[in-house]
Amino acid sequence: VDKEPNEANRFGWVVEIDPFDPSSTPVKHTALGRFAHE
């Protein structure tokens, strides 16, 4: 965080993955909020 203070804001999201397309790009959905999602 001393070198890249914003990187932590890019985690804590819900990620959607298409399991039927191994070449697909997973998506982090920020509309679901950032917290310690169980």
PDB file of all heavy atoms in Angstrom:
ATOM      1  N   VAL A   1       0.820  -1.217   0.000  1.00  0.00           N
ATOM      2  CA  VAL A   1       0.000   0.000   0.000  1.00  0.00           C
ATOM      3  C   VAL A   1       0.848   1.260   0.000  1.00  0.00           C
ATOM      4  O   VAL A   1       0.362   2.337  -0.361  1.00  0.00           O
ATOM      5  CB  VAL A   1      -0.974   0.016   1.195  1.00  0.00           C
ATOM      6  CG1 VAL A   1      -1.910  -1.174   1.146  1.00  0.00           C
ATOM      7  CG2 VAL A   1      -0.233   0.073   2.528  1.00  0.00           C
ATOM      8  N   ASP A   2       2.121   1.150   0.400  1.00  0.00           N
ATOM      9  CA  ASP A   2       3.006   2.311   0.344  1.00  0.00           C
ATOM     10  C   ASP A   2       3.308   2.690  -1.099  1.00  0.00           C
ATOM     11  O   ASP A   2       3.566   3.854  -1.404  1.00  0.00           O
ATOM     12  CB  ASP A   2       4.321   2.020   1.078  1.00  0.00           C
ATOM     13  CG  ASP A   2       4.096   1.534   2.499  1.00  0.00           C
ATOM     14  OD1 ASP A   2       3.113   1.970   3.119  1.00  0.00           O
ATOM     15  OD2 ASP A   2       4.892   0.701   2.977  1.00  0.00           O
ATOM     16  N   LYS A   3       3.250   1.695  -1.987  1.00  0.00           N
ATOM     17  CA  LYS A   3       3.585   1.928  -3.391  1.00  0.00           C
ATOM     18  C   LYS A   3       2.341   2.024  -4.279  1.00  0.00           C
ATOM     19  O   LYS A   3       2.366   2.710  -5.306  1.00  0.00           O
ATOM     20  CB  LYS A   3       4.489   0.795  -3.900  1.00  0.00           C
ATOM     21  CG  LYS A   3       5.815   0.697  -3.146  1.00  0.00           C
ATOM     22  CD  LYS A   3       6.624  -0.508  -3.609  1.00  0.00           C
ATOM     23  CE  LYS A   3       7.940  -0.608  -2.847  1.00  0.00           C
ATOM     24  NZ  LYS A   3       8.731  -1.818  -3.254  1.00  0.00           N
ATOM     25  N   GLU A   4       1.281   1.318  -3.913  1.00  0.00           N
ATOM     26  CA  GLU A   4       0.084   1.295  -4.749  1.00  0.00           C
ATOM     27  C   GLU A   4      -1.148   1.351  -3.848  1.00  0.00           C
ATOM     28  O   GLU A   4      -1.817   0.347  -3.599  1.00  0.00           O
ATOM     29  CB  GLU A   4       0.072   0.022  -5.607  1.00  0.00           C
ATOM     30  CG  GLU A   4      -0.864   0.064  -6.794  1.00  0.00           C
ATOM     31  CD  GLU A   4      -0.516   1.151  -7.799  1.00  0.00           C
ATOM     32  OE1 GLU A   4       0.389   0.942  -8.628  1.00  0.00           O
ATOM     33  OE2 GLU A   4      -1.151   2.226  -7.730  1.00  0.00           O
ATOM     34  N   PRO A   5      -1.481   2.527  -3.321  1.00  0.00           N
ATOM     35  CA  PRO A   5      -2.545   2.623  -2.305  1.00  0.00           C
ATOM     36  C   PRO A   5      -3.937   2.298  -2.805  1.00  0.00           C
ATOM     37  O   PRO A   5      -4.823   2.011  -1.991  1.00  0.00           O
ATOM     38  CB  PRO A   5      -2.451   4.084  -1.841  1.00  0.00           C
ATOM     39  CG  PRO A   5      -1.783   4.815  -2.956  1.00  0.00           C
ATOM     40  CD  PRO A   5      -0.824   3.833  -3.560  1.00  0.00           C
ATOM     41  N   ASN A   6      -4.193   2.319  -4.107  1.00  0.00           N
ATOM     42  CA  ASN A   6      -5.541   2.051  -4.613  1.00  0.00           C
ATOM     43  C   ASN A   6      -5.806   0.589  -4.934  1.00  0.00           C
ATOM     44  O   ASN A   6      -6.955   0.213  -5.175  1.00  0.00           O
ATOM     45  CB  ASN A   6      -5.804   2.879  -5.878  1.00  0.00           C
ATOM     46  CG  ASN A   6      -6.139   4.322  -5.561  1.00  0.00           C
ATOM     47  OD1 ASN A   6      -6.400   4.685  -4.415  1.00  0.00           O
ATOM     48  ND2 ASN A   6      -6.120   5.161  -6.581  1.00  0.00           N
ATOM     49  N   GLU A   7      -4.769  -0.243  -4.964  1.00  0.00           N
ATOM     50  CA  GLU A   7      -4.969  -1.640  -5.355  1.00  0.00           C
ATOM     51  C   GLU A   7      -5.968  -2.347  -4.433  1.00  0.00           C
ATOM     52  O   GLU A   7      -6.770  -3.175  -4.881  1.00  0.00           O
ATOM     53  CB  GLU A   7      -3.643  -2.401  -5.366  1.00  0.00           C
ATOM     54  CG  GLU A   7      -3.736  -3.837  -5.862  1.00  0.00           C
ATOM     55  CD  GLU A   7      -3.975  -3.950  -7.368  1.00  0.00           C
ATOM     56  OE1 GLU A   7      -3.787  -2.936  -8.085  1.00  0.00           O
ATOM     57  OE2 GLU A   7      -4.344  -5.048  -7.826  1.00  0.00           O
ATOM     58  N   ALA A   8      -5.947  -2.011  -3.152  1.00  0.00           N
ATOM     59  CA  ALA A   8      -6.854  -2.669  -2.206  1.00  0.00           C
ATOM     60  C   ALA A   8      -8.317  -2.387  -2.515  1.00  0.00           C
ATOM     61  O   ALA A   8      -9.194  -3.191  -2.174  1.00  0.00           O
ATOM     62  CB  ALA A   8      -6.533  -2.226  -0.786  1.00  0.00           C
ATOM     63  N   ASN A   9      -8.600  -1.266  -3.164  1.00  0.00           N
ATOM     64  CA  ASN A   9      -9.983  -0.932  -3.511  1.00  0.00           C
ATOM     65  C   ASN A   9     -10.516  -1.787  -4.657  1.00  0.00           C
ATOM     66  O   ASN A   9     -11.713  -1.743  -4.953  1.00  0.00           O
ATOM     67  CB  ASN A   9     -10.087   0.544  -3.905  1.00  0.00           C
ATOM     68  CG  ASN A   9      -9.696   1.475  -2.776  1.00  0.00           C
ATOM     69  OD1 ASN A   9      -9.929   1.175  -1.605  1.00  0.00           O
ATOM     70  ND2 ASN A   9      -9.084   2.598  -3.117  1.00  0.00           N
ATOM     71  N   ARG A  10      -9.653  -2.559  -5.269  1.00  0.00           N
ATOM     72  CA  ARG A  10     -10.033  -3.390  -6.414  1.00  0.00           C
ATOM     73  C   ARG A  10     -10.404  -4.812  -5.983  1.00  0.00           C
ATOM     74  O   ARG A  10     -10.677  -5.678  -6.817  1.00  0.00           O
ATOM     75  CB  ARG A  10      -8.887  -3.395  -7.419  1.00  0.00           C
ATOM     76  CG  ARG A  10      -8.646  -2.011  -8.033  1.00  0.00           C
ATOM     77  CD  ARG A  10      -7.175  -1.754  -8.363  1.00  0.00           C
ATOM     78  NE  ARG A  10      -6.641  -2.577  -9.419  1.00  0.00           N
ATOM     79  CZ  ARG A  10      -6.717  -2.301 -10.724  1.00  0.00           C
ATOM     80  NH1 ARG A  10      -7.333  -1.196 -11.138  1.00  0.00           N
ATOM     81  NH2 ARG A  10      -6.169  -3.090 -11.622  1.00  0.00           N
ATOM     82  N   PHE A  11     -10.441  -5.024  -4.667  1.00  0.00           N
ATOM     83  CA  PHE A  11     -10.812  -6.323  -4.103  1.00  0.00           C
ATOM     84  C   PHE A  11     -11.885  -6.109  -3.030  1.00  0.00           C
ATOM     85  O   PHE A  11     -12.041  -5.027  -2.495  1.00  0.00           O
ATOM     86  CB  PHE A  11      -9.584  -7.025  -3.518  1.00  0.00           C
ATOM     87  CG  PHE A  11      -8.571  -7.397  -4.571  1.00  0.00           C
ATOM     88  CD1 PHE A  11      -7.605  -6.488  -4.976  1.00  0.00           C
ATOM     89  CD2 PHE A  11      -8.605  -8.639  -5.179  1.00  0.00           C
ATOM     90  CE1 PHE A  11      -6.683  -6.806  -5.961  1.00  0.00           C
ATOM     91  CE2 PHE A  11      -7.686  -8.977  -6.167  1.00  0.00           C
ATOM     92  CZ  PHE A  11      -6.728  -8.061  -6.558  1.00  0.00           C
ATOM     93  N   GLY A  12     -12.612  -7.187  -2.732  1.00  0.00           N
ATOM     94  CA  GLY A  12     -13.747  -7.103  -1.821  1.00  0.00           C
ATOM     95  C   GLY A  12     -15.066  -7.054  -2.570  1.00  0.00           C
ATOM     96  O   GLY A  12     -16.083  -6.633  -2.025  1.00  0.00           O
ATOM     97  N   TRP A  13     -15.069  -7.539  -3.821  1.00  0.00           N
ATOM     98  CA  TRP A  13     -16.245  -7.480  -4.675  1.00  0.00           C
ATOM     99  C   TRP A  13     -16.792  -8.886  -4.937  1.00  0.00           C
ATOM    100  O   TRP A  13     -16.164  -9.885  -4.580  1.00  0.00           O
ATOM    101  CB  TRP A  13     -15.900  -6.815  -6.007  1.00  0.00           C
ATOM    102  CG  TRP A  13     -15.275  -5.459  -5.882  1.00  0.00           C
ATOM    103  CD1 TRP A  13     -13.947  -5.144  -6.017  1.00  0.00           C
ATOM    104  CD2 TRP A  13     -15.940  -4.222  -5.589  1.00  0.00           C
ATOM    105  NE1 TRP A  13     -13.754  -3.793  -5.839  1.00  0.00           N
ATOM    106  CE2 TRP A  13     -14.961  -3.195  -5.574  1.00  0.00           C
ATOM    107  CE3 TRP A  13     -17.276  -3.875  -5.351  1.00  0.00           C
ATOM    108  CZ2 TRP A  13     -15.270  -1.865  -5.324  1.00  0.00           C
ATOM    109  CZ3 TRP A  13     -17.584  -2.547  -5.104  1.00  0.00           C
ATOM    110  CH2 TRP A  13     -16.597  -1.556  -5.087  1.00  0.00           C
ATOM    111  N   VAL A  14     -17.931  -8.946  -5.586  1.00  0.00           N
ATOM    112  CA  VAL A  14     -18.480 -10.201  -6.106  1.00  0.00           C
ATOM    113  C   VAL A  14     -18.061 -10.322  -7.566  1.00  0.00           C
ATOM    114  O   VAL A  14     -18.210  -9.375  -8.348  1.00  0.00           O
ATOM    115  CB  VAL A  14     -20.008 -10.234  -5.981  1.00  0.00           C
ATOM    116  CG1 VAL A  14     -20.593 -11.421  -6.757  1.00  0.00           C
ATOM    117  CG2 VAL A  14     -20.417 -10.317  -4.512  1.00  0.00           C
ATOM    118  N   VAL A  15     -17.529 -11.499  -7.934  1.00  0.00           N
ATOM    119  CA  VAL A  15     -17.013 -11.742  -9.278  1.00  0.00           C
ATOM    120  C   VAL A  15     -17.911 -12.748  -9.990  1.00  0.00           C
ATOM    121  O   VAL A  15     -18.211 -13.811  -9.439  1.00  0.00           O
ATOM    122  CB  VAL A  15     -15.572 -12.286  -9.228  1.00  0.00           C
ATOM    123  CG1 VAL A  15     -15.009 -12.440 -10.637  1.00  0.00           C
ATOM    124  CG2 VAL A  15     -14.679 -11.386  -8.380  1.00  0.00           C
ATOM    125  N   GLU A  16     -18.331 -12.426 -11.214  1.00  0.00           N
ATOM    126  CA  GLU A  16     -19.145 -13.341 -12.014  1.00  0.00           C
ATOM    127  C   GLU A  16     -18.286 -14.003 -13.087  1.00  0.00           C
ATOM    128  O   GLU A  16     -17.553 -13.316 -13.806  1.00  0.00           O
ATOM    129  CB  GLU A  16     -20.318 -12.613 -12.666  1.00  0.00           C
ATOM    130  CG  GLU A  16     -21.251 -13.546 -13.432  1.00  0.00           C
ATOM    131  CD  GLU A  16     -22.519 -12.874 -13.932  1.00  0.00           C
ATOM    132  OE1 GLU A  16     -22.613 -11.630 -13.836  1.00  0.00           O
ATOM    133  OE2 GLU A  16     -23.421 -13.597 -14.410  1.00  0.00           O
ATOM    134  N   ILE A  17     -18.380 -15.330 -13.186  1.00  0.00           N
ATOM    135  CA  ILE A  17     -17.577 -16.127 -14.107  1.00  0.00           C
ATOM    136  C   ILE A  17     -18.506 -16.979 -14.956  1.00  0.00           C
ATOM    137  O   ILE A  17     -19.427 -17.620 -14.436  1.00  0.00           O
ATOM    138  CB  ILE A  17     -16.602 -17.037 -13.327  1.00  0.00           C
ATOM    139  CG1 ILE A  17     -15.660 -16.198 -12.444  1.00  0.00           C
ATOM    140  CG2 ILE A  17     -15.800 -17.926 -14.279  1.00  0.00           C
ATOM    141  CD1 ILE A  17     -14.900 -17.019 -11.415  1.00  0.00           C
ATOM    142  N   ASP A  18     -18.252 -17.011 -16.252  1.00  0.00           N
ATOM    143  CA  ASP A  18     -18.981 -17.919 -17.142  1.00  0.00           C
ATOM    144  C   ASP A  18     -18.220 -19.240 -17.194  1.00  0.00           C
ATOM    145  O   ASP A  18     -17.174 -19.344 -17.844  1.00  0.00           O
ATOM    146  CB  ASP A  18     -19.096 -17.318 -18.540  1.00  0.00           C
ATOM    147  CG  ASP A  18     -19.934 -18.182 -19.477  1.00  0.00           C
ATOM    148  OD1 ASP A  18     -20.312 -19.304 -19.084  1.00  0.00           O
ATOM    149  OD2 ASP A  18     -20.205 -17.731 -20.610  1.00  0.00           O
ATOM    150  N   PRO A  19     -18.721 -20.284 -16.526  1.00  0.00           N
ATOM    151  CA  PRO A  19     -17.964 -21.545 -16.460  1.00  0.00           C
ATOM    152  C   PRO A  19     -17.931 -22.299 -17.781  1.00  0.00           C
ATOM    153  O   PRO A  19     -17.105 -23.200 -17.953  1.00  0.00           O
ATOM    154  CB  PRO A  19     -18.713 -22.344 -15.388  1.00  0.00           C
ATOM    155  CG  PRO A  19     -20.116 -21.844 -15.464  1.00  0.00           C
ATOM    156  CD  PRO A  19     -20.004 -20.382 -15.804  1.00  0.00           C
ATOM    157  N   PHE A  20     -18.807 -21.932 -18.715  1.00  0.00           N
ATOM    158  CA  PHE A  20     -18.885 -22.644 -19.994  1.00  0.00           C
ATOM    159  C   PHE A  20     -17.983 -22.032 -21.065  1.00  0.00           C
ATOM    160  O   PHE A  20     -17.917 -22.558 -22.179  1.00  0.00           O
ATOM    161  CB  PHE A  20     -20.334 -22.676 -20.476  1.00  0.00           C
ATOM    162  CG  PHE A  20     -21.234 -23.479 -19.580  1.00  0.00           C
ATOM    163  CD1 PHE A  20     -22.040 -22.844 -18.640  1.00  0.00           C
ATOM    164  CD2 PHE A  20     -21.264 -24.859 -19.650  1.00  0.00           C
ATOM    165  CE1 PHE A  20     -22.868 -23.576 -17.801  1.00  0.00           C
ATOM    166  CE2 PHE A  20     -22.085 -25.598 -18.814  1.00  0.00           C
ATOM    167  CZ  PHE A  20     -22.887 -24.955 -17.880  1.00  0.00           C
ATOM    168  N   ASP A  21     -17.291 -20.951 -20.737  1.00  0.00           N
ATOM    169  CA  ASP A  21     -16.402 -20.294 -21.696  1.00  0.00           C
ATOM    170  C   ASP A  21     -15.061 -20.010 -21.025  1.00  0.00           C
ATOM    171  O   ASP A  21     -14.887 -18.981 -20.375  1.00  0.00           O
ATOM    172  CB  ASP A  21     -17.031 -18.998 -22.202  1.00  0.00           C
ATOM    173  CG  ASP A  21     -16.169 -18.310 -23.259  1.00  0.00           C
ATOM    174  OD1 ASP A  21     -15.094 -18.847 -23.600  1.00  0.00           O
ATOM    175  OD2 ASP A  21     -16.567 -17.221 -23.728  1.00  0.00           O
ATOM    176  N   PRO A  22     -14.099 -20.918 -21.162  1.00  0.00           N
ATOM    177  CA  PRO A  22     -12.798 -20.735 -20.502  1.00  0.00           C
ATOM    178  C   PRO A  22     -12.033 -19.499 -20.967  1.00  0.00           C
ATOM    179  O   PRO A  22     -11.095 -19.073 -20.294  1.00  0.00           O
ATOM    180  CB  PRO A  22     -12.042 -22.018 -20.871  1.00  0.00           C
ATOM    181  CG  PRO A  22     -13.079 -23.010 -21.222  1.00  0.00           C
ATOM    182  CD  PRO A  22     -14.187 -22.220 -21.846  1.00  0.00           C
ATOM    183  N   SER A  23     -12.428 -18.917 -22.092  1.00  0.00           N
ATOM    184  CA  SER A  23     -11.746 -17.714 -22.572  1.00  0.00           C
ATOM    185  C   SER A  23     -12.429 -16.435 -22.103  1.00  0.00           C
ATOM    186  O   SER A  23     -11.951 -15.333 -22.379  1.00  0.00           O
ATOM    187  CB  SER A  23     -11.692 -17.712 -24.104  1.00  0.00           C
ATOM    188  OG  SER A  23     -12.995 -17.611 -24.654  1.00  0.00           O
ATOM    189  N   SER A  24     -13.537 -16.558 -21.388  1.00  0.00           N
ATOM    190  CA  SER A  24     -14.295 -15.377 -20.972  1.00  0.00           C
ATOM    191  C   SER A  24     -13.551 -14.608 -19.878  1.00  0.00           C
ATOM    192  O   SER A  24     -12.735 -15.167 -19.134  1.00  0.00           O
ATOM    193  CB  SER A  24     -15.674 -15.781 -20.465  1.00  0.00           C
ATOM    194  OG  SER A  24     -15.564 -16.611 -19.319  1.00  0.00           O
ATOM    195  N   THR A  25     -13.848 -13.317 -19.779  1.00  0.00           N
ATOM    196  CA  THR A  25     -13.242 -12.443 -18.775  1.00  0.00           C
ATOM    197  C   THR A  25     -14.175 -12.323 -17.578  1.00  0.00           C
ATOM    198  O   THR A  25     -15.306 -11.825 -17.722  1.00  0.00           O
ATOM    199  CB  THR A  25     -12.980 -11.045 -19.357  1.00  0.00           C
ATOM    200  OG1 THR A  25     -12.087 -11.162 -20.471  1.00  0.00           O
ATOM    201  CG2 THR A  25     -12.372 -10.121 -18.309  1.00  0.00           C
ATOM    202  N   PRO A  26     -13.764 -12.764 -16.397  1.00  0.00           N
ATOM    203  CA  PRO A  26     -14.605 -12.577 -15.208  1.00  0.00           C
ATOM    204  C   PRO A  26     -14.860 -11.096 -14.942  1.00  0.00           C
ATOM    205  O   PRO A  26     -14.044 -10.235 -15.281  1.00  0.00           O
ATOM    206  CB  PRO A  26     -13.775 -13.210 -14.088  1.00  0.00           C
ATOM    207  CG  PRO A  26     -12.869 -14.185 -14.791  1.00  0.00           C
ATOM    208  CD  PRO A  26     -12.540 -13.526 -16.101  1.00  0.00           C
ATOM    209  N   VAL A  27     -16.006 -10.809 -14.318  1.00  0.00           N
ATOM    210  CA  VAL A  27     -16.418  -9.427 -14.082  1.00  0.00           C
ATOM    211  C   VAL A  27     -16.614  -9.189 -12.592  1.00  0.00           C
ATOM    212  O   VAL A  27     -17.330  -9.946 -11.918  1.00  0.00           O
ATOM    213  CB  VAL A  27     -17.726  -9.110 -14.827  1.00  0.00           C
ATOM    214  CG1 VAL A  27     -18.146  -7.658 -14.586  1.00  0.00           C
ATOM    215  CG2 VAL A  27     -17.574  -9.376 -16.324  1.00  0.00           C
ATOM    216  N   LYS A  28     -15.984  -8.135 -12.082  1.00  0.00           N
ATOM    217  CA  LYS A  28     -16.219  -7.697 -10.709  1.00  0.00           C
ATOM    218  C   LYS A  28     -17.369  -6.686 -10.733  1.00  0.00           C
ATOM    219  O   LYS A  28     -17.266  -5.625 -11.339  1.00  0.00           O
ATOM    220  CB  LYS A  28     -14.958  -7.088 -10.103  1.00  0.00           C
ATOM    221  CG  LYS A  28     -13.804  -8.074 -10.014  1.00  0.00           C
ATOM    222  CD  LYS A  28     -12.731  -7.638  -9.038  1.00  0.00           C
ATOM    223  CE  LYS A  28     -11.630  -8.685  -8.929  1.00  0.00           C
ATOM    224  NZ  LYS A  28     -10.691  -8.439  -7.815  1.00  0.00           N
ATOM    225  N   HIS A  29     -18.468  -7.051 -10.058  1.00  0.00           N
ATOM    226  CA  HIS A  29     -19.677  -6.232 -10.072  1.00  0.00           C
ATOM    227  C   HIS A  29     -19.655  -5.254  -8.893  1.00  0.00           C
ATOM    228  O   HIS A  29     -19.967  -5.626  -7.753  1.00  0.00           O
ATOM    229  CB  HIS A  29     -20.916  -7.115  -9.982  1.00  0.00           C
ATOM    230  CG  HIS A  29     -21.179  -7.928 -11.209  1.00  0.00           C
ATOM    231  ND1 HIS A  29     -21.362  -7.370 -12.459  1.00  0.00           N
ATOM    232  CD2 HIS A  29     -21.302  -9.272 -11.387  1.00  0.00           C
ATOM    233  CE1 HIS A  29     -21.592  -8.322 -13.349  1.00  0.00           C
ATOM    234  NE2 HIS A  29     -21.548  -9.493 -12.727  1.00  0.00           N
ATOM    235  N   THR A  30     -19.325  -4.011  -9.161  1.00  0.00           N
ATOM    236  CA  THR A  30     -19.222  -3.034  -8.072  1.00  0.00           C
ATOM    237  C   THR A  30     -20.583  -2.628  -7.522  1.00  0.00           C
ATOM    238  O   THR A  30     -20.663  -2.101  -6.409  1.00  0.00           O
ATOM    239  CB  THR A  30     -18.453  -1.787  -8.522  1.00  0.00           C
ATOM    240  OG1 THR A  30     -19.219  -1.068  -9.500  1.00  0.00           O
ATOM    241  CG2 THR A  30     -17.098  -2.151  -9.104  1.00  0.00           C
ATOM    242  N   ALA A  31     -21.659  -2.873  -8.269  1.00  0.00           N
ATOM    243  CA  ALA A  31     -22.992  -2.506  -7.785  1.00  0.00           C
ATOM    244  C   ALA A  31     -23.378  -3.283  -6.537  1.00  0.00           C
ATOM    245  O   ALA A  31     -24.278  -2.865  -5.792  1.00  0.00           O
ATOM    246  CB  ALA A  31     -24.028  -2.724  -8.883  1.00  0.00           C
ATOM    247  N   LEU A  32     -22.712  -4.431  -6.281  1.00  0.00           N
ATOM    248  CA  LEU A  32     -23.024  -5.241  -5.103  1.00  0.00           C
ATOM    249  C   LEU A  32     -22.236  -4.830  -3.867  1.00  0.00           C
ATOM    250  O   LEU A  32     -22.370  -5.452  -2.815  1.00  0.00           O
ATOM    251  CB  LEU A  32     -22.783  -6.732  -5.397  1.00  0.00           C
ATOM    252  CG  LEU A  32     -23.941  -7.457  -6.097  1.00  0.00           C
ATOM    253  CD1 LEU A  32     -24.103  -7.004  -7.540  1.00  0.00           C
ATOM    254  CD2 LEU A  32     -23.746  -8.974  -6.053  1.00  0.00           C
ATOM    255  N   GLY A  33     -21.422  -3.781  -3.989  1.00  0.00           N
ATOM    256  CA  GLY A  33     -20.740  -3.241  -2.825  1.00  0.00           C
ATOM    257  C   GLY A  33     -19.440  -3.930  -2.498  1.00  0.00           C
ATOM    258  O   GLY A  33     -19.205  -5.080  -2.880  1.00  0.00           O
ATOM    259  N   ARG A  34     -18.596  -3.209  -1.782  1.00  0.00           N
ATOM    260  CA  ARG A  34     -17.275  -3.706  -1.379  1.00  0.00           C
ATOM    261  C   ARG A  34     -17.242  -3.915   0.127  1.00  0.00           C
ATOM    262  O   ARG A  34     -17.369  -2.979   0.912  1.00  0.00           O
ATOM    263  CB  ARG A  34     -16.198  -2.704  -1.805  1.00  0.00           C
ATOM    264  CG  ARG A  34     -14.786  -3.022  -1.321  1.00  0.00           C
ATOM    265  CD  ARG A  34     -13.798  -2.025  -1.920  1.00  0.00           C
ATOM    266  NE  ARG A  34     -12.508  -2.029  -1.258  1.00  0.00           N
ATOM    267  CZ  ARG A  34     -12.154  -1.213  -0.263  1.00  0.00           C
ATOM    268  NH1 ARG A  34     -13.021  -0.314   0.191  1.00  0.00           N
ATOM    269  NH2 ARG A  34     -10.956  -1.284   0.276  1.00  0.00           N
ATOM    270  N   PHE A  35     -17.103  -5.165   0.499  1.00  0.00           N
ATOM    271  CA  PHE A  35     -16.941  -5.537   1.908  1.00  0.00           C
ATOM    272  C   PHE A  35     -16.456  -6.978   1.938  1.00  0.00           C
ATOM    273  O   PHE A  35     -16.132  -7.545   0.887  1.00  0.00           O
ATOM    274  CB  PHE A  35     -18.243  -5.340   2.703  1.00  0.00           C
ATOM    275  CG  PHE A  35     -19.487  -5.926   2.087  1.00  0.00           C
ATOM    276  CD1 PHE A  35     -19.881  -7.232   2.329  1.00  0.00           C
ATOM    277  CD2 PHE A  35     -20.299  -5.145   1.270  1.00  0.00           C
ATOM    278  CE1 PHE A  35     -21.030  -7.766   1.767  1.00  0.00           C
ATOM    279  CE2 PHE A  35     -21.468  -5.656   0.706  1.00  0.00           C
ATOM    280  CZ  PHE A  35     -21.828  -6.972   0.955  1.00  0.00           C
ATOM    281  N   ALA A  36     -16.361  -7.571   3.106  1.00  0.00           N
ATOM    282  CA  ALA A  36     -15.878  -8.951   3.228  1.00  0.00           C
ATOM    283  C   ALA A  36     -17.022  -9.909   2.919  1.00  0.00           C
ATOM    284  O   ALA A  36     -17.609 -10.534   3.803  1.00  0.00           O
ATOM    285  CB  ALA A  36     -15.313  -9.197   4.624  1.00  0.00           C
ATOM    286  N   HIS A  37     -17.325 -10.036   1.615  1.00  0.00           N
ATOM    287  CA  HIS A  37     -18.440 -10.880   1.182  1.00  0.00           C
ATOM    288  C   HIS A  37     -18.195 -12.327   1.585  1.00  0.00           C
ATOM    289  O   HIS A  37     -17.250 -12.954   1.117  1.00  0.00           O
ATOM    290  CB  HIS A  37     -18.578 -10.834  -0.341  1.00  0.00           C
ATOM    291  CG  HIS A  37     -19.108  -9.552  -0.886  1.00  0.00           C
ATOM    292  ND1 HIS A  37     -20.452  -9.320  -1.077  1.00  0.00           N
ATOM    293  CD2 HIS A  37     -18.477  -8.431  -1.297  1.00  0.00           C
ATOM    294  CE1 HIS A  37     -20.618  -8.118  -1.586  1.00  0.00           C
ATOM    295  NE2 HIS A  37     -19.442  -7.551  -1.728  1.00  0.00           N
ATOM    296  N   GLU A  38     -19.054 -12.862   2.436  1.00  0.00           N
ATOM    297  CA  GLU A  38     -19.016 -14.291   2.699  1.00  0.00           C
ATOM    298  C   GLU A  38     -19.558 -15.046   1.491  1.00  0.00           C
ATOM    299  O   GLU A  38     -18.952 -15.981   0.993  1.00  0.00           O
ATOM    300  CB  GLU A  38     -19.848 -14.637   3.932  1.00  0.00           C
ATOM    301  CG  GLU A  38     -20.082 -16.125   4.147  1.00  0.00           C
ATOM    302  CD  GLU A  38     -18.838 -16.903   4.527  1.00  0.00           C
ATOM    303  OE1 GLU A  38     -17.875 -16.283   4.998  1.00  0.00           O
ATOM    304  OE2 GLU A  38     -18.828 -18.138   4.358  1.00  0.00           O
TER     305      GLU A  38
END
